[in-house]
Each structure stands twice: as structure tokens, then as C-alpha cells.
Protein backbone atom coordinates (compact mmCIF):
# COMPACT_ATOMS: atom_id res chain seq x y z
CA UNK A 1 -3.69 -43.50 17.71
CA UNK A 2 -3.07 -41.25 14.70
CA UNK A 3 -6.02 -40.51 12.47
CA UNK A 4 -5.81 -40.81 8.69
CA UNK A 5 -4.97 -37.15 8.26
CA UNK A 6 -2.45 -35.74 5.82
CA UNK A 7 -0.61 -32.60 6.97
CA UNK A 8 1.99 -30.38 5.32
CA UNK A 9 4.50 -28.38 7.37
CA UNK A 10 5.97 -25.77 5.04
CA UNK A 11 9.20 -25.20 7.01
CA UNK A 12 11.07 -27.24 9.62
CA UNK A 13 9.78 -26.45 13.12
CA UNK A 14 10.94 -27.62 16.57
CA UNK A 15 10.48 -31.34 17.19
CA UNK A 16 7.98 -30.79 19.99
CA UNK A 17 5.46 -29.53 17.45
CA UNK A 18 6.18 -32.29 14.94
CA UNK A 19 5.84 -34.97 17.60
CA UNK A 20 2.42 -33.66 18.56
CA UNK A 21 1.30 -33.67 14.91
CA UNK A 22 2.57 -37.21 14.36
CA UNK A 23 0.60 -38.46 17.35
CA UNK A 24 -2.68 -37.36 15.78
CA UNK A 25 -1.97 -37.50 12.04
CA UNK A 26 -1.00 -40.47 9.92
CA UNK A 27 1.09 -38.48 7.44
CA UNK A 28 3.12 -35.39 8.27
CA UNK A 29 5.33 -34.10 5.48
CA UNK A 30 7.90 -31.44 6.32
CA UNK A 31 9.64 -29.23 3.77
CA UNK A 32 13.15 -30.76 3.71
CA UNK A 33 14.82 -27.59 2.45
CA UNK A 34 16.19 -24.86 4.70
CA UNK A 35 14.28 -22.26 2.72
CA UNK A 36 10.75 -21.21 1.89
CA UNK A 37 8.88 -23.18 -0.71
CA UNK A 38 8.40 -21.27 -3.93
CA UNK A 39 4.78 -20.45 -4.71
CA UNK A 40 4.75 -23.17 -7.37
CA UNK A 41 6.18 -25.69 -4.91
CA UNK A 42 3.63 -24.65 -2.32
CA UNK A 43 0.77 -25.19 -4.75
CA UNK A 44 2.09 -28.67 -5.51
CA UNK A 45 2.70 -29.61 -1.88
CA UNK A 46 -0.66 -28.52 -0.42
CA UNK A 47 -2.68 -30.73 -2.78
CA UNK A 48 -4.79 -33.26 -0.92
CA UNK A 49 -3.86 -32.13 2.58
CA UNK A 50 -6.28 -31.99 5.48
CA UNK A 51 -4.22 -29.29 7.22
CA UNK A 52 -1.26 -27.03 6.52
CA UNK A 53 1.13 -25.58 9.10
CA UNK A 54 2.51 -22.50 7.36
CA UNK A 55 4.91 -19.71 8.27
CA UNK A 56 4.68 -15.95 7.88
CA UNK A 57 6.72 -15.96 4.66
CA UNK A 58 4.19 -18.22 2.89
CA UNK A 59 1.64 -16.34 0.79
CA UNK A 60 -1.65 -18.12 1.43
CA UNK A 61 -4.23 -16.92 -1.08
CA UNK A 62 -7.05 -18.22 -3.26
CA UNK A 63 -4.65 -20.13 -5.52
CA UNK A 64 -3.34 -22.04 -2.49
CA UNK A 65 -6.83 -22.82 -1.22
CA UNK A 66 -7.77 -24.04 -4.71
CA UNK A 67 -4.68 -26.26 -4.86
CA UNK A 68 -5.27 -27.68 -1.38
CA UNK A 69 -8.80 -28.78 -2.15
CA UNK A 70 -12.10 -28.67 -0.22
CA UNK A 71 -11.00 -31.33 2.29
CA UNK A 72 -8.38 -28.94 3.77
CA UNK A 73 -9.84 -27.67 7.03
CA UNK A 74 -7.17 -25.42 8.50
CA UNK A 75 -4.06 -23.35 7.81
CA UNK A 76 -2.20 -22.87 11.08
CA UNK A 77 0.14 -19.86 10.81
CA UNK A 78 3.31 -20.07 12.92
CA UNK A 79 3.20 -16.38 13.86
CA UNK A 80 1.17 -13.85 15.75
CA UNK A 81 0.47 -11.81 12.63
CA UNK A 82 -1.39 -13.30 9.69
CA UNK A 83 -1.13 -10.60 7.03
CA UNK A 84 0.36 -13.29 4.76
CA UNK A 85 -3.01 -15.08 4.69
CA UNK A 86 -6.11 -14.01 2.78
CA UNK A 87 -8.42 -14.51 5.75
CA UNK A 88 -11.48 -13.20 3.92
CA UNK A 89 -11.02 -15.79 1.19
CA UNK A 90 -10.46 -18.52 3.76
CA UNK A 91 -13.63 -17.50 5.57
CA UNK A 92 -15.61 -17.55 2.33
CA UNK A 93 -14.47 -21.15 1.88
CA UNK A 94 -15.04 -22.09 5.56
CA UNK A 95 -11.33 -22.77 6.05
CA UNK A 96 -10.05 -22.15 9.57
CA UNK A 97 -7.05 -19.83 10.06
CA UNK A 98 -5.14 -19.81 13.34
CA UNK A 99 -2.13 -18.00 14.77
CA UNK A 100 0.17 -18.20 17.81
CA UNK A 101 -0.57 -15.13 19.96
CA UNK A 102 0.85 -14.25 23.36
CA UNK A 103 3.65 -16.79 23.43
CA UNK A 104 6.28 -14.52 21.87
CA UNK A 105 5.60 -11.36 23.84
CA UNK A 106 8.59 -11.59 26.17
CA UNK A 107 11.02 -12.73 23.49
CA UNK A 108 10.10 -9.87 21.17
CA UNK A 109 10.14 -7.32 23.99
CA UNK A 110 13.61 -8.49 25.00
CA UNK A 111 14.90 -8.22 21.43
CA UNK A 112 13.42 -4.73 21.18
CA UNK A 113 15.53 -3.64 24.12
CA UNK A 114 18.60 -5.38 22.72
CA UNK A 115 18.18 -3.42 19.49
CA UNK A 116 17.44 -0.15 21.27
CA UNK A 117 20.56 -0.46 23.42
CA UNK A 118 22.70 -1.54 20.49
CA UNK A 119 21.62 1.47 18.43
CA UNK A 120 21.83 3.95 21.30
CA UNK A 121 25.33 2.91 22.33
CA UNK A 122 26.58 2.13 18.80
CA UNK A 123 27.46 -1.43 19.82
CA UNK A 124 27.60 -2.96 16.33
CA UNK A 125 29.63 -0.09 14.93
CA UNK A 126 32.09 -0.20 17.83
CA UNK A 127 32.39 -3.99 17.64
CA UNK A 128 33.19 -3.79 13.93
CA UNK A 129 35.80 -1.09 14.58
CA UNK A 130 37.48 -3.11 17.33
CA UNK A 131 37.61 -6.29 15.24
CA UNK A 132 39.20 -4.39 12.35
CA UNK A 133 42.31 -3.74 14.44
CA UNK A 134 42.00 0.02 14.07
CA UNK A 135 41.49 0.77 17.76
CA UNK A 136 44.56 2.51 19.18
CA UNK A 137 43.26 2.96 22.73
CA UNK A 138 40.65 4.84 24.73
CA UNK A 139 39.70 8.36 23.72
CA UNK A 140 37.18 10.81 25.21
CA UNK A 141 35.32 11.36 21.92
CA UNK A 142 35.13 7.78 20.67
CA UNK A 143 31.73 6.32 19.76
CA UNK A 144 29.62 8.78 21.69
CA UNK A 145 26.06 7.51 21.81
CA UNK A 146 22.89 8.30 23.71
CA UNK A 147 21.98 7.30 27.23
CA UNK A 148 18.60 6.03 28.33
CA UNK A 149 18.25 7.33 31.88
CA UNK A 150 16.11 10.43 31.98
CA UNK A 151 15.09 10.12 28.32
CA UNK A 152 11.63 9.62 26.81
CA UNK A 153 10.52 6.35 25.25
CA UNK A 154 7.61 6.50 22.82
CA UNK A 155 5.55 3.36 22.17
CA UNK A 156 3.59 3.20 18.92
CA UNK A 157 1.02 0.47 19.51
CA UNK A 158 0.43 -0.42 23.15
CA UNK A 159 -0.83 -3.98 22.80
CA UNK A 160 0.76 -6.99 24.46
CA UNK A 161 4.27 -6.52 23.08
CA UNK A 162 4.21 -2.73 23.22
CA UNK A 163 3.11 -2.90 26.86
CA UNK A 164 5.85 -5.40 27.72
CA UNK A 165 8.48 -3.16 26.13
CA UNK A 166 7.13 -0.09 27.88
CA UNK A 167 7.04 -1.65 31.34
CA UNK A 168 10.69 -2.65 31.00
CA UNK A 169 11.60 1.03 30.62
CA UNK A 170 11.04 1.52 34.35
CA UNK A 171 14.40 -0.12 35.03
CA UNK A 172 16.11 2.60 33.00
CA UNK A 173 14.31 5.52 34.66
CA UNK A 174 12.70 6.73 31.44
CA UNK A 175 9.62 8.83 30.84
CA UNK A 176 6.97 7.08 28.81
CA UNK A 177 4.63 8.16 26.02
CA UNK A 178 2.35 5.93 23.99
CA UNK A 179 0.08 6.23 20.98
CA UNK A 180 -2.77 3.76 20.57
CA UNK A 181 -6.41 3.85 19.55
CA UNK A 182 -7.28 2.32 22.93
CA UNK A 183 -6.30 3.80 26.28
CA UNK A 184 -3.86 1.59 28.21
CA UNK A 185 -4.70 1.94 31.89
CA UNK A 186 -1.96 -0.51 32.90
CA UNK A 187 0.78 1.67 31.41
CA UNK A 188 -0.67 4.80 32.90
CA UNK A 189 -1.02 3.41 36.42
CA UNK A 190 2.11 1.23 36.58
CA UNK A 191 4.54 3.33 34.57
CA UNK A 192 3.10 6.84 34.57
CA UNK A 193 2.71 6.73 30.80
CA UNK A 194 1.01 9.55 28.93
CA UNK A 195 -1.17 8.91 25.90
CA UNK A 196 -0.44 11.26 22.98
CA UNK A 197 -1.22 11.55 19.28
CA UNK A 198 1.06 10.23 16.56
CA UNK A 199 2.79 13.51 15.74
CA UNK A 200 3.44 14.31 19.40
CA UNK A 201 4.89 10.86 19.96
CA UNK A 202 7.46 11.32 17.20
CA UNK A 203 8.23 14.92 18.11
CA UNK A 204 8.71 14.40 21.85
CA UNK A 205 10.33 10.94 22.12
CA UNK A 206 14.05 10.25 22.27
CA UNK A 207 13.39 6.62 21.34
CA UNK A 208 10.38 5.39 19.36
CA UNK A 209 9.52 1.67 19.35
CA UNK A 210 6.94 0.38 16.86
CA UNK A 211 4.47 -2.36 17.82
CA UNK A 212 1.43 -1.99 15.55
CA UNK A 213 -0.15 -4.67 13.38
CA UNK A 214 0.24 -4.46 9.62
CA UNK A 215 -3.10 -3.38 8.18
CA UNK A 216 -3.86 -1.46 4.97
CA UNK A 217 -4.21 1.70 7.07
CA UNK A 218 -0.83 1.13 8.76
CA UNK A 219 1.20 0.49 5.60
CA UNK A 220 3.78 3.32 5.45
CA UNK A 221 2.23 4.83 8.57
CA UNK A 222 5.76 5.97 9.41
CA UNK A 223 6.53 8.03 6.31
CA UNK A 224 9.15 10.66 5.59
CA UNK A 225 7.22 13.66 6.96
CA UNK A 226 6.66 11.77 10.23
CA UNK A 227 10.31 10.69 10.44
CA UNK A 228 11.42 14.28 9.95
CA UNK A 229 9.38 15.29 13.00
CA UNK A 230 11.77 13.29 15.20
CA UNK A 231 14.57 14.87 17.17
CA UNK A 232 17.97 14.78 15.43
CA UNK A 233 19.23 12.76 18.42
CA UNK A 234 16.34 10.27 18.31
CA UNK A 235 16.41 6.54 17.57
CA UNK A 236 13.71 4.45 15.86
CA UNK A 237 13.20 0.72 16.58
CA UNK A 238 10.90 -1.62 14.64
CA UNK A 239 10.10 -5.18 15.68
CA UNK A 240 6.54 -5.27 14.32
CA UNK A 241 6.19 -5.50 10.54
CA UNK A 242 8.49 -3.94 7.95
CA UNK A 243 5.92 -2.24 5.68
CA UNK A 244 4.74 -0.06 8.59
CA UNK A 245 7.79 2.09 7.73
CA UNK A 246 8.52 3.63 4.35
CA UNK A 247 11.97 2.02 4.25
CA UNK A 248 13.30 4.12 1.37
CA UNK A 249 12.35 7.26 3.31
CA UNK A 250 14.07 5.87 6.41
CA UNK A 251 17.27 5.38 4.40
CA UNK A 252 17.15 9.03 3.28
CA UNK A 253 16.53 10.31 6.79
CA UNK A 254 19.37 8.21 8.25
CA UNK A 255 21.74 9.13 5.44
CA UNK A 256 20.99 12.84 5.98
CA UNK A 257 21.50 12.39 9.77
CA UNK A 258 18.05 13.84 10.38
CA UNK A 259 17.76 11.23 13.14
CA UNK A 260 20.60 9.60 15.05
CA UNK A 261 19.93 5.92 14.48
CA UNK A 262 17.51 3.10 13.75
CA UNK A 263 17.37 -0.58 14.68
CA UNK A 264 15.32 -3.02 12.61
CA UNK A 265 14.24 -6.63 12.92
CA UNK A 266 11.72 -6.46 10.05
CA UNK A 267 11.81 -5.05 6.53
CA UNK A 268 9.43 -3.82 3.89
CA UNK A 269 10.34 -6.40 1.25
CA UNK A 270 11.86 -9.29 3.17
CA UNK A 271 14.42 -10.71 2.76
CA UNK A 272 15.71 -7.75 0.71
CA UNK A 273 16.53 -4.46 2.50
CA UNK A 274 15.86 -1.12 0.85
CA UNK A 275 18.66 0.14 -1.37
CA UNK A 276 21.43 1.72 0.68
CA UNK A 277 20.19 0.54 4.08
CA UNK A 278 22.97 -1.90 4.96
CA UNK A 279 25.69 0.56 3.92
CA UNK A 280 24.69 2.97 6.68
CA UNK A 281 26.65 2.89 9.94
CA UNK A 282 23.79 4.36 12.00
CA UNK A 283 21.40 1.44 11.61
CA UNK A 284 21.40 -1.96 13.32
CA UNK A 285 19.86 -4.73 11.19
CA UNK A 286 18.98 -8.26 12.31
CA UNK A 287 17.10 -10.91 10.26
CA UNK A 288 13.59 -11.08 11.78
CA UNK A 289 14.59 -12.84 15.01
CA UNK A 290 12.02 -11.31 17.36
CA UNK A 291 10.67 -14.69 18.51
CA UNK A 292 13.95 -16.55 18.05
CA UNK A 293 14.52 -18.12 21.42
CA UNK A 294 14.49 -21.89 21.79
CA UNK A 295 11.73 -21.71 24.38
CA UNK A 296 9.48 -19.40 22.35
CA UNK A 297 9.80 -21.23 19.03
CA UNK A 298 9.05 -24.54 20.76
CA UNK A 299 5.92 -23.05 22.30
CA UNK A 300 4.86 -21.61 18.94
CA UNK A 301 5.29 -25.01 17.28
CA UNK A 302 3.21 -26.71 19.97
CA UNK A 303 0.51 -24.05 19.72
CA UNK A 304 0.25 -24.38 15.93
CA UNK A 305 0.15 -28.17 16.19
CA UNK A 306 -2.55 -28.01 18.87
CA UNK A 307 -4.63 -25.79 16.61
CA UNK A 308 -4.39 -28.38 13.84
CA UNK A 309 -5.10 -31.30 16.18
CA UNK A 310 -8.22 -29.57 17.47
CA UNK A 311 -9.52 -28.72 14.00
CA UNK A 312 -9.02 -32.25 12.66
CA UNK A 313 -10.73 -33.90 15.63
CA UNK A 314 -13.81 -31.71 15.60
CA UNK A 315 -12.83 -29.28 18.33
CA UNK A 316 -12.59 -25.52 18.01
CA UNK A 317 -8.94 -24.47 17.62
CA UNK A 318 -7.80 -22.36 20.58
CA UNK A 319 -6.45 -19.55 18.40
CA UNK A 320 -9.02 -19.24 15.62
CA UNK A 321 -8.75 -15.84 13.91
CA UNK A 322 -11.90 -16.25 11.77
CA UNK A 323 -14.39 -17.62 14.33
CA UNK A 324 -17.32 -17.11 11.97
CA UNK A 325 -16.35 -20.33 10.18
CA UNK A 326 -16.78 -22.40 13.33
CA UNK A 327 -20.02 -24.32 13.63
CA UNK A 328 -20.72 -26.28 16.81
């Protein structure tokens, strides 16, 4: 039987997650709009809630915690990352913050390869050309791209997703480099990967795939000097967080053809791309769809709902990112 809990879901999520919430909570209000709540709307909607299921585009800060009130026990973020949440402030107030780790590894790794292949073989550009009716027949110099076999893939950030992307490179017969603060024995033993420093990774790789968390130290980690270390035939892929790359610098480097191509799922100032980005023909852009498979989003919704259900019934949430607030 549902307890007398009042929960806000800031964006429509798969029904599996909502059904779980409704089994344990008396009131579950879902944002009826197919858009993010404005910050003012969010402040109004969180008032009096016992829990909030939020998404990565919601800015959860002290003003939101104030508006929610002291009875609000948990903000469950529907994402692996939680850079949109002021975790320190939540911890100070003994508010639990949770995320949805692990469940989207395969989906994001698969999208990374879709983007890499699309950029390497100029798929979007060729598709657009064909649809325009301009194609007059096969020619030996049309849409020459880069191949993968025998090339070097560089992984920046060899955590769960970075490792999953890297291991898939074995099917393409690629050499593998990685840069991470922690040595990845799995990649070294299973894929013959070599650990290198940041500059070497960008200088030696034909394809660089970014999989680091967004932290203050990693903001604009990939800046213009680093981009200009890449081979002129190289391709950059980012499915982590947009601000890891200086996007304006990336536009300049792509426009100058200092690198061959880029493929992006995330952007520095979402939903707006940097000026000039979408006009370039050597970049593939998709709208933050790394976890966008039906199976993965359903699992994420269930995981977030389970975190809330646990917190409201006196159990430790399975994916608590600030465990210091938990008291047995």
C-alpha cells in the first residue's frame, strides 16, 4: 500500500518507473510538458515534496533545497553524472542524492561507435548529398573518409563506458591507447592497450573518444592547444559531457581543417551549440542520445524510482552518491 509521500518527477519518464513510484507513494506529480521546467517553475513545484526525481538538465542548488523544504529526503538524478546537483549543499542539509550508474554503459558505448563510424565514413554528409538529388553516379574520389582497420583508437577516461568502447575496437583490428589516472589492467590484458599521457594520446591517435566525468579540473580539458596536437586526419568523439571540450576552439580547428572530423552527443551550453558548429560539414551532431534506447531508459527510470522508494521507507538507496548523509 502506498505511503503518504508526495513526489515530483520533473520530466516524463518510462511508465515502469512511474508505476513503481505510485506503488509506494500516495501522490506522484509528473511535469506534463515535453520540456524542462524553468527554474521558477521548479522552485514552485518542489515545495512540500518528500522526494524529487530530477533529470540532468535540472539545476539543483540551494534555492531548490530551500523551496523543497526540510521534509524532502532525496533528489534522485536520472543520469550517471550529477554535475547538475550541488552535492555539497545537499550533504550539508542531509539530503540524499542518487544517480543511475552502470545501466547505460552499453547504450552509450554503442552510440560512441555509431558516431565514430558516421564521422569516419562521412555518413551524414553523404546521406544529405544523396537526398538532395545531386548524385550523378559513382566516382572514385567521392566522399573519401577514413578506415578503422589498422588505425589507433585513443580513449580519454577508461572507466566503465571508456572500457566498453575500447573493448569493442577489437572487432575492427585497431591499436589501443588510453589515458586515465588509474591503470586499467583489463584493457591491457584483453586488448593490448597502452597507457599514455594526455598529450601522447592526442598526438598518436587516429580517433580519440572522450569518457571523463565533468569536474572543475576537466572543464575545457580539451582546449585548442591540445586539439592542434591531433593528426590532420584524426577524428574526435565526445559522448561524456560537453564542457570537457572548449567548443569554440573545436569549431575553429574543424573550420581550419586542422583535424578531419568530430562527432558530438553533448555540448558545452546545451541545448545551444557553439556559434558556427552546425554549419560545418565535418562534424556529426546528435542531441544527447547516449542512453536513448528503450531498454536503457526503462532501467534508468526503475533505478531512480527504487532509490526514492528506499529512501522514503528508511532503507539506504542503492546508488547514494553522498553516503555521509546516511545514518543507520
